[in-house]
Amino acid sequence: MSVSKFLHLGTALSLHTRLPLSPLPRLFPKALQFHHRYCSTSSSAAVAVAAADSTETLCSPDPHPWPEWVTFVDRLKSKGYFTESSLTDSVYRDMGVVRDACLSFARDRYDVFKSLSIDDIQKVVECGCPNLYRKAVNSGKRLRAYVRLDEGDVCSTCSLRGSCDRAYVILKETEADARTVDIVRILLFYALDSLVLSGGEKPPGRETVESSARKLLSELIELSETSPDPALPKPAVKALKRKDDSLDFMDDVPSQDVEMKRGDWMCPKCNFMNFSRNKQCRECNEDGPKNVGMGDVEMKKGDWTCSQCNFMNFSRNIRCLKCKAEGPKRVSADEVEMKKGDWNCEQCGFMNFASNRNCLRCRVARPKRQLNPGEWECPSCDFLNYRKNMVCLKCNCERPKEAAAASEYEEQLWRRPH
């Protein structure tokens, strides 16, 4: 009896131990399942949002290739030059949105123009105008007059001279006063140029222009933090002879009176006028007409056709712009009319303008000038001044004492005895 009872008791204990302990977790089964589903959904959504944000950050393009331009536009934003509706992602690249803000700032800060680097202004405008817009051309001419560049020399080397109806035109004295709005307009056109935005291949000398343009933007950013001097007189506003103010937008449209030469063509996509040698539109890269032949192109004195690829180059091009082949042998410097201050490079023989401190071809420094008695070089801007000038005609820097002393000594030597 005892054995059977013990066996029965052991079996009962064994069965009791094997029973599952399920009643405890099943007290709140639905609540636990809901909590699990909620946590899973929330974390999945958070991960999805974070992934979307990181993807958007990684995929979003740079606002503009020039950081200085982005900072300049941001400064205009902070100063209230934009309306709320115009503050879109494309504000850094949209001419229609950013133009009015830039020009309004330039007119408000007429006082900062004289503080900008003359050397950088010269580098920006010495290669010509950025386009054929009437206001851009006039601003370029005013700035060249301000830095004392010869307008004829600049126009003769400008790639747009064949289509510009104001090439070689000298502004009247009443129209030649440069202002902040002139340099800002030129910087605006260079910053929003298609070559800058697309990062395409740039013509020779363009890197120098863009480098100086970016320096000037940095200076404008710094100068914008200062308050205008209330003692400075505001520029007089000239009366404009316009039939209708609604036609103001036509000021920045290329002149329709530009003379087209044989073979030149208008782009069907953007209406930009191209030279006959252009196979693609310079403005939008649209393919040009197929029937343009090099025989129809009017070549000017010094222009040359590449013997390798038959591309027509301007006379100033040392190498072919298309295939980089060497150009023809240059005309000797003795056959070229040189003006006062112009110099020939001792290393490569290239003739440089007086304003060039380095050779434009090989970048060798200019040799020491042969000065006439009494003449002196400005230590600030390197401008060549006559003996009568007590301050530099270009930057108003005072005449060095040693130059003044030498001039006075020479004057005593040449003075007639009493």
Protein backbone atom coordinates (compact mmCIF):
# COMPACT_ATOMS: atom_id res chain seq x y z
CA MET A 1 0.00 0.00 0.00
CA SER A 2 2.70 2.36 0.86
CA VAL A 3 4.52 1.65 -2.40
CA SER A 4 1.42 2.24 -4.56
CA LYS A 5 0.55 5.39 -2.66
CA PHE A 6 4.05 6.75 -3.13
CA LEU A 7 3.93 5.90 -6.86
CA HIS A 8 0.60 7.65 -7.25
CA LEU A 9 1.84 10.69 -5.31
CA GLY A 10 5.02 10.92 -7.43
CA THR A 11 3.01 10.76 -10.66
CA ALA A 12 0.68 13.50 -9.45
CA LEU A 13 3.61 15.70 -8.45
CA SER A 14 5.26 15.12 -11.81
CA LEU A 15 2.11 16.04 -13.73
CA HIS A 16 1.63 19.12 -11.58
CA THR A 17 5.18 20.33 -12.27
CA ARG A 18 4.79 19.98 -16.05
CA LEU A 19 1.69 22.18 -16.22
CA PRO A 20 2.51 25.43 -18.14
CA LEU A 21 2.53 28.65 -16.14
CA SER A 22 0.43 30.50 -18.70
CA PRO A 23 -2.11 32.40 -16.59
CA LEU A 24 0.41 35.09 -15.57
CA PRO A 25 1.33 36.48 -19.04
CA ARG A 26 -2.25 36.17 -20.22
CA LEU A 27 -3.55 38.60 -17.61
CA PHE A 28 -3.17 41.59 -20.08
CA PRO A 29 -2.49 40.00 -23.48
CA LYS A 30 -4.09 42.71 -25.65
CA ALA A 31 -2.38 45.57 -23.84
CA LEU A 32 1.03 43.97 -24.26
CA GLN A 33 0.43 43.27 -27.94
CA PHE A 34 -0.75 46.88 -28.53
CA HIS A 35 2.32 48.26 -26.74
CA HIS A 36 4.62 46.10 -28.87
CA ARG A 37 2.95 47.14 -32.12
CA TYR A 38 3.03 50.83 -31.12
CA CYS A 39 6.72 50.78 -30.22
CA SER A 40 7.64 48.96 -33.43
CA THR A 41 5.68 51.40 -35.60
CA SER A 42 7.11 54.48 -33.85
CA SER A 43 10.72 53.35 -34.14
CA SER A 44 10.23 52.40 -37.79
CA ALA A 45 8.78 55.82 -38.52
CA ALA A 46 11.64 57.55 -36.69
CA VAL A 47 14.21 55.58 -38.66
CA ALA A 48 12.39 56.36 -41.90
CA VAL A 49 12.29 60.10 -41.14
CA ALA A 50 15.96 60.15 -40.14
CA ALA A 51 16.89 58.27 -43.31
CA ALA A 52 14.85 60.68 -45.43
CA ASP A 53 16.51 63.68 -43.77
CA SER A 54 19.99 62.31 -44.29
CA THR A 55 19.17 61.39 -47.90
CA GLU A 56 17.85 64.88 -48.53
CA THR A 57 20.98 66.43 -46.99
CA LEU A 58 23.30 64.24 -49.02
CA CYS A 59 21.41 64.69 -52.28
CA SER A 60 20.74 68.43 -52.01
CA PRO A 61 23.08 70.33 -54.37
CA ASP A 62 25.26 73.23 -53.28
CA PRO A 63 23.35 76.53 -53.40
CA HIS A 64 26.11 78.05 -55.56
CA PRO A 65 29.72 77.20 -56.52
CA TRP A 66 30.95 80.42 -54.87
CA PRO A 67 30.69 80.44 -51.04
CA GLU A 68 31.20 84.22 -51.13
CA TRP A 69 28.08 84.62 -53.26
CA VAL A 70 26.02 82.47 -50.87
CA THR A 71 27.20 84.58 -47.90
CA PHE A 72 26.48 87.81 -49.78
CA VAL A 73 22.92 86.73 -50.64
CA ASP A 74 22.39 85.55 -47.04
CA ARG A 75 23.50 88.98 -45.84
CA LEU A 76 20.92 90.59 -48.13
CA LYS A 77 18.31 88.24 -46.66
CA SER A 78 19.14 89.29 -43.11
CA LYS A 79 18.90 92.96 -44.06
CA GLY A 80 15.41 92.57 -45.53
CA TYR A 81 16.14 93.00 -49.24
CA PHE A 82 14.01 89.96 -50.16
CA THR A 83 10.27 89.43 -49.84
CA GLU A 84 8.99 86.31 -48.08
CA SER A 85 7.59 84.89 -51.32
CA SER A 86 10.97 85.15 -53.07
CA LEU A 87 12.92 83.15 -50.47
CA THR A 88 13.05 79.83 -52.30
CA ASP A 89 15.82 77.28 -52.70
CA SER A 90 16.71 78.76 -56.10
CA VAL A 91 17.31 82.29 -54.79
CA TYR A 92 21.09 81.89 -55.19
CA ARG A 93 20.78 81.04 -58.90
CA ASP A 94 17.68 82.93 -60.05
CA MET A 95 18.49 86.22 -61.76
CA GLY A 96 14.87 87.38 -61.63
CA VAL A 97 14.76 87.00 -57.84
CA VAL A 98 18.19 88.16 -56.73
CA ARG A 99 18.80 91.06 -59.15
CA ASP A 100 16.52 93.64 -57.52
CA ALA A 101 17.87 92.85 -54.05
CA CYS A 102 21.50 93.24 -55.18
CA LEU A 103 20.91 96.52 -57.00
CA SER A 104 18.84 97.94 -54.13
CA PHE A 105 21.68 97.16 -51.73
CA ALA A 106 24.19 98.77 -54.10
CA ARG A 107 22.14 101.96 -54.34
CA ASP A 108 21.74 102.11 -50.56
CA ARG A 109 25.48 101.60 -49.98
CA TYR A 110 26.85 104.13 -52.47
CA ASP A 111 29.42 105.00 -49.80
CA VAL A 112 31.44 101.75 -49.96
CA PHE A 113 32.58 102.00 -53.57
CA LYS A 114 35.78 103.94 -52.85
CA SER A 115 36.76 101.31 -50.27
CA LEU A 116 36.82 98.44 -52.77
CA SER A 117 40.12 97.16 -54.16
CA ILE A 118 41.05 99.05 -57.33
CA ASP A 119 43.33 96.21 -58.40
CA ASP A 120 40.49 93.65 -58.22
CA ILE A 121 38.08 95.98 -60.03
CA GLN A 122 40.67 96.33 -62.80
CA LYS A 123 41.08 92.57 -63.14
CA VAL A 124 37.31 92.10 -63.38
CA VAL A 125 36.81 94.64 -66.21
CA GLU A 126 40.10 94.60 -68.14
CA CYS A 127 39.08 91.57 -70.25
CA GLY A 128 35.82 93.15 -71.46
CA CYS A 129 32.16 92.98 -70.49
CA PRO A 130 30.38 89.84 -69.23
CA ASN A 131 27.61 90.15 -71.85
CA LEU A 132 25.95 92.56 -74.30
CA TYR A 133 23.29 93.91 -71.93
CA ARG A 134 23.23 97.68 -72.28
CA LYS A 135 23.53 98.42 -68.55
CA ALA A 136 26.31 95.85 -68.12
CA VAL A 137 28.30 97.40 -70.99
CA ASN A 138 27.87 100.93 -69.62
CA SER A 139 28.82 99.80 -66.10
CA GLY A 140 31.94 98.14 -67.49
CA LYS A 141 32.92 101.34 -69.30
CA ARG A 142 32.44 103.44 -66.16
CA LEU A 143 34.57 101.06 -64.10
CA ARG A 144 37.33 101.03 -66.73
CA ALA A 145 37.35 104.82 -66.72
CA TYR A 146 37.59 104.72 -62.92
CA VAL A 147 40.69 102.47 -62.95
CA ARG A 148 42.11 104.36 -65.97
CA LEU A 149 42.08 101.52 -68.49
CA ASP A 150 42.20 102.35 -72.18
CA GLU A 151 38.75 101.51 -73.58
CA GLY A 152 40.14 100.87 -77.06
CA ASP A 153 42.69 98.37 -75.76
CA VAL A 154 40.02 96.47 -73.83
CA CYS A 155 37.51 96.42 -76.70
CA SER A 156 40.14 95.20 -79.16
CA THR A 157 40.71 92.04 -77.09
CA CYS A 158 37.09 91.45 -76.02
CA SER A 159 35.49 88.31 -77.46
CA LEU A 160 32.15 90.14 -77.84
CA ARG A 161 33.50 93.05 -79.89
CA GLY A 162 32.09 91.73 -83.18
CA SER A 163 28.52 91.86 -81.86
CA CYS A 164 28.70 94.87 -79.54
CA ASP A 165 27.13 98.08 -80.84
CA ARG A 166 29.02 100.11 -78.21
CA ALA A 167 32.51 98.74 -78.82
CA TYR A 168 35.19 101.47 -78.68
CA VAL A 169 32.57 104.02 -77.53
CA ILE A 170 33.88 106.41 -74.87
CA LEU A 171 31.33 107.61 -72.33
CA LYS A 172 30.76 111.31 -71.94
CA GLU A 173 32.32 112.93 -68.92
CA THR A 174 28.89 113.39 -67.33
CA GLU A 175 28.19 109.64 -67.67
CA ALA A 176 31.54 108.28 -66.51
CA ASP A 177 31.13 108.44 -62.71
CA ALA A 178 31.40 104.86 -61.39
CA ARG A 179 29.26 103.82 -58.42
CA THR A 180 28.66 100.79 -56.23
CA VAL A 181 25.77 99.73 -58.44
CA ASP A 182 28.15 99.36 -61.40
CA ILE A 183 30.49 96.86 -59.75
CA VAL A 184 27.60 94.96 -58.13
CA ARG A 185 25.90 94.62 -61.53
CA ILE A 186 29.08 93.16 -63.06
CA LEU A 187 29.55 90.78 -60.11
CA LEU A 188 25.91 89.70 -60.42
CA PHE A 189 26.32 88.73 -64.07
CA TYR A 190 29.55 86.83 -63.44
CA ALA A 191 28.13 84.98 -60.42
CA LEU A 192 25.08 83.81 -62.39
CA ASP A 193 26.95 83.09 -65.61
CA SER A 194 26.13 79.69 -67.09
CA LEU A 195 29.83 78.72 -67.10
CA VAL A 196 30.02 79.29 -63.34
CA LEU A 197 26.78 77.47 -62.54
CA SER A 198 27.53 74.50 -64.80
CA GLY A 199 31.25 74.27 -64.04
CA GLY A 200 32.04 74.07 -67.75
CA GLU A 201 35.34 74.78 -69.49
CA LYS A 202 36.27 78.43 -69.18
CA PRO A 203 38.18 80.63 -71.65
CA PRO A 204 41.73 81.81 -70.87
CA GLY A 205 41.90 84.49 -68.20
CA ARG A 206 38.47 83.72 -66.77
CA GLU A 207 39.91 82.22 -63.55
CA THR A 208 41.61 85.54 -62.77
CA VAL A 209 38.36 87.44 -63.33
CA GLU A 210 36.37 85.09 -61.09
CA SER A 211 39.01 85.16 -58.35
CA SER A 212 38.90 88.96 -58.19
CA ALA A 213 35.08 88.93 -58.36
CA ARG A 214 34.93 86.66 -55.32
CA LYS A 215 37.38 88.91 -53.44
CA LEU A 216 35.17 91.92 -54.16
CA LEU A 217 32.13 90.03 -52.86
CA SER A 218 34.01 89.32 -49.63
CA GLU A 219 34.85 93.02 -49.31
CA LEU A 220 31.20 93.98 -49.86
CA ILE A 221 30.15 91.52 -47.14
CA GLU A 222 32.60 93.08 -44.69
CA LEU A 223 31.72 96.66 -45.63
CA SER A 224 27.99 95.97 -45.33
CA GLU A 225 28.44 95.58 -41.56
CA THR A 226 29.41 99.23 -41.21
CA SER A 227 26.83 102.02 -41.13
CA PRO A 228 26.78 104.63 -43.92
CA ASP A 229 28.54 107.86 -43.07
CA PRO A 230 25.75 110.47 -42.69
CA ALA A 231 28.19 113.21 -43.67
CA LEU A 232 28.60 111.81 -47.18
CA PRO A 233 26.33 113.46 -49.77
CA LYS A 234 23.99 111.16 -51.62
CA PRO A 235 24.56 110.88 -55.38
CA ALA A 236 22.32 113.11 -57.45
CA VAL A 237 19.59 111.25 -59.29
CA LYS A 238 19.56 112.17 -62.97
CA ALA A 239 16.29 112.56 -64.82
CA LEU A 240 15.83 109.68 -67.22
CA LYS A 241 14.12 110.22 -70.55
CA ARG A 242 11.77 107.27 -70.71
CA LYS A 243 8.44 107.09 -72.48
CA ASP A 244 7.01 104.55 -70.09
CA ASP A 245 8.34 103.16 -66.81
CA SER A 246 6.83 99.82 -67.71
CA LEU A 247 9.55 99.41 -70.32
CA ASP A 248 12.24 99.34 -67.63
CA PHE A 249 12.71 95.60 -68.01
CA MET A 250 13.97 96.18 -71.55
CA ASP A 251 17.13 97.80 -70.16
CA ASP A 252 18.64 94.42 -69.44
CA VAL A 253 17.71 92.86 -72.79
CA PRO A 254 20.47 92.67 -75.40
CA SER A 255 20.16 95.46 -77.92
CA GLN A 256 18.22 94.46 -81.01
CA ASP A 257 20.25 96.94 -83.04
CA VAL A 258 23.42 94.81 -82.77
CA GLU A 259 24.93 94.33 -86.20
CA MET A 260 24.94 90.66 -87.19
CA LYS A 261 27.72 89.63 -89.50
CA ARG A 262 27.40 86.99 -92.17
CA GLY A 263 27.19 83.54 -90.61
CA ASP A 264 26.11 84.72 -87.14
CA TRP A 265 22.99 82.95 -85.84
CA MET A 266 20.26 83.37 -83.25
CA CYS A 267 19.64 80.51 -80.85
CA PRO A 268 16.09 79.15 -81.36
CA LYS A 269 15.89 78.16 -77.67
CA CYS A 270 17.02 81.28 -75.77
CA ASN A 271 17.29 83.90 -78.56
CA PHE A 272 20.98 84.55 -77.81
CA MET A 273 23.04 85.84 -80.75
CA ASN A 274 26.08 83.68 -81.46
CA PHE A 275 29.12 84.14 -83.67
CA SER A 276 29.19 82.02 -86.78
CA ARG A 277 32.10 79.98 -85.43
CA ASN A 278 30.03 78.78 -82.45
CA LYS A 279 28.72 75.26 -82.96
CA GLN A 280 26.67 75.50 -79.75
CA CYS A 281 24.90 78.42 -78.10
CA ARG A 282 27.14 80.18 -75.58
CA GLU A 283 24.13 80.80 -73.31
CA CYS A 284 22.26 77.48 -73.18
CA ASN A 285 24.51 75.01 -75.10
CA GLU A 286 21.79 74.36 -77.70
CA ASP A 287 23.18 72.95 -80.97
CA GLY A 288 23.63 75.57 -83.67
CA PRO A 289 22.65 75.37 -87.34
CA LYS A 290 24.39 72.75 -89.43
CA ASN A 291 24.98 74.88 -92.52
CA VAL A 292 27.45 77.35 -91.01
CA GLY A 293 30.75 77.09 -92.83
CA MET A 294 34.07 78.59 -91.88
CA GLY A 295 34.28 80.22 -95.29
CA ASP A 296 31.41 82.55 -94.37
CA VAL A 297 33.12 83.90 -91.24
CA GLU A 298 34.51 87.42 -91.42
CA MET A 299 38.03 87.34 -90.00
CA LYS A 300 39.63 90.45 -88.61
CA LYS A 301 43.28 91.41 -88.76
CA GLY A 302 45.38 88.97 -86.74
CA ASP A 303 42.67 86.27 -86.42
CA TRP A 304 43.84 82.84 -87.53
CA THR A 305 42.43 79.44 -88.48
CA CYS A 306 43.86 76.36 -86.79
CA SER A 307 45.68 74.07 -89.22
CA GLN A 308 44.74 71.01 -87.16
CA CYS A 309 40.97 71.37 -86.64
CA ASN A 310 40.07 74.37 -88.85
CA PHE A 311 38.74 76.34 -85.85
CA MET A 312 38.86 80.13 -86.19
CA ASN A 313 40.69 81.85 -83.32
CA PHE A 314 41.03 85.48 -82.32
CA SER A 315 44.41 87.10 -82.79
CA ARG A 316 45.09 87.14 -79.04
CA ASN A 317 44.87 83.34 -78.75
CA ILE A 318 48.30 81.71 -78.45
CA ARG A 319 46.82 78.21 -78.83
CA CYS A 320 43.68 76.94 -80.53
CA LEU A 321 40.73 77.11 -78.14
CA LYS A 322 39.32 73.87 -79.54
CA CYS A 323 42.25 71.45 -79.90
CA LYS A 324 45.01 73.37 -78.02
CA ALA A 325 47.36 73.26 -81.02
CA GLU A 326 50.05 75.95 -81.19
CA GLY A 327 49.06 79.07 -83.10
CA PRO A 328 51.05 80.79 -85.84
CA LYS A 329 54.19 82.72 -85.11
CA ARG A 330 53.39 86.08 -83.61
CA VAL A 331 54.04 89.41 -85.26
CA SER A 332 57.25 90.86 -83.92
CA ALA A 333 56.88 93.47 -81.22
CA ASP A 334 58.71 96.00 -83.42
CA GLU A 335 55.76 96.05 -85.84
CA VAL A 336 53.18 96.81 -83.13
CA GLU A 337 52.52 100.38 -82.03
CA MET A 338 53.31 100.61 -78.34
CA LYS A 339 51.93 103.27 -76.04
CA LYS A 340 53.68 104.92 -73.11
CA GLY A 341 54.35 102.39 -70.37
CA ASP A 342 53.77 99.27 -72.52
CA TRP A 343 56.56 96.70 -72.23
CA ASN A 344 57.90 93.59 -73.95
CA CYS A 345 58.50 90.46 -71.89
CA GLU A 346 62.21 89.60 -71.80
CA GLN A 347 61.47 85.88 -71.60
CA CYS A 348 58.79 85.23 -74.25
CA GLY A 349 58.70 88.50 -76.21
CA PHE A 350 54.99 89.13 -75.55
CA MET A 351 53.91 92.78 -75.63
CA ASN A 352 52.07 93.78 -72.47
CA PHE A 353 50.03 96.84 -71.57
CA ALA A 354 51.46 99.26 -69.04
CA SER A 355 48.95 98.10 -66.40
CA ASN A 356 50.24 94.51 -66.44
CA ARG A 357 52.62 93.74 -63.57
CA ASN A 358 53.22 90.24 -64.93
CA CYS A 359 53.42 88.99 -68.49
CA LEU A 360 50.01 87.75 -69.63
CA ARG A 361 51.61 84.86 -71.51
CA CYS A 362 54.34 83.46 -69.23
CA ARG A 363 53.59 85.34 -65.95
CA VAL A 364 57.16 86.66 -65.60
CA ALA A 365 57.38 89.83 -63.52
CA ARG A 366 57.67 93.14 -65.36
CA PRO A 367 61.21 94.53 -65.54
CA LYS A 368 62.06 97.80 -63.81
CA ARG A 369 60.68 100.73 -65.75
CA GLN A 370 62.88 103.32 -67.41
CA LEU A 371 61.48 106.52 -65.92
CA ASN A 372 61.95 110.00 -67.29
CA PRO A 373 63.39 112.60 -64.89
CA GLY A 374 60.84 113.40 -62.19
CA GLU A 375 58.42 110.57 -62.97
CA TRP A 376 57.55 108.20 -60.11
CA GLU A 377 55.76 104.92 -59.53
CA CYS A 378 52.99 104.74 -56.94
CA PRO A 379 54.01 102.31 -54.16
CA SER A 380 50.37 101.39 -53.61
CA CYS A 381 48.96 100.67 -57.09
CA ASP A 382 52.11 100.80 -59.30
CA PHE A 383 50.64 103.60 -61.44
CA LEU A 384 53.15 105.70 -63.42
CA ASN A 385 52.79 109.39 -62.48
CA TYR A 386 54.25 112.54 -63.97
CA ARG A 387 56.63 114.70 -61.95
CA LYS A 388 53.97 117.35 -61.32
CA ASN A 389 51.66 114.90 -59.51
CA MET A 390 51.92 115.22 -55.73
CA VAL A 391 49.44 112.35 -55.22
CA CYS A 392 48.78 109.30 -57.39
CA LEU A 393 46.16 110.01 -60.07
CA LYS A 394 44.82 106.48 -59.71
CA CYS A 395 44.53 105.83 -55.96
CA ASN A 396 45.35 109.23 -54.36
CA CYS A 397 48.33 107.78 -52.52
CA GLU A 398 50.87 110.40 -51.43
CA ARG A 399 54.05 110.76 -53.42
CA PRO A 400 57.05 108.99 -51.81
CA LYS A 401 59.50 111.34 -50.13
CA GLU A 402 62.50 109.99 -52.02
CA ALA A 403 60.75 110.60 -55.35
CA ALA A 404 59.84 114.14 -54.30
CA ALA A 405 63.41 114.84 -53.17
CA ALA A 406 64.87 113.51 -56.43
CA SER A 407 62.44 115.59 -58.47
CA GLU A 408 63.32 118.74 -56.50
CA TYR A 409 67.04 118.10 -57.02
CA GLU A 410 66.58 117.64 -60.77
CA GLU A 411 64.49 120.79 -60.92
CA GLN A 412 67.31 122.76 -59.27
CA LEU A 413 69.78 121.40 -61.81
CA TRP A 414 67.63 122.49 -64.74
CA ARG A 415 66.55 125.81 -63.30
CA ARG A 416 67.90 128.83 -65.16
CA PRO A 417 70.36 130.85 -63.03
CA HIS A 418 69.32 134.41 -62.13
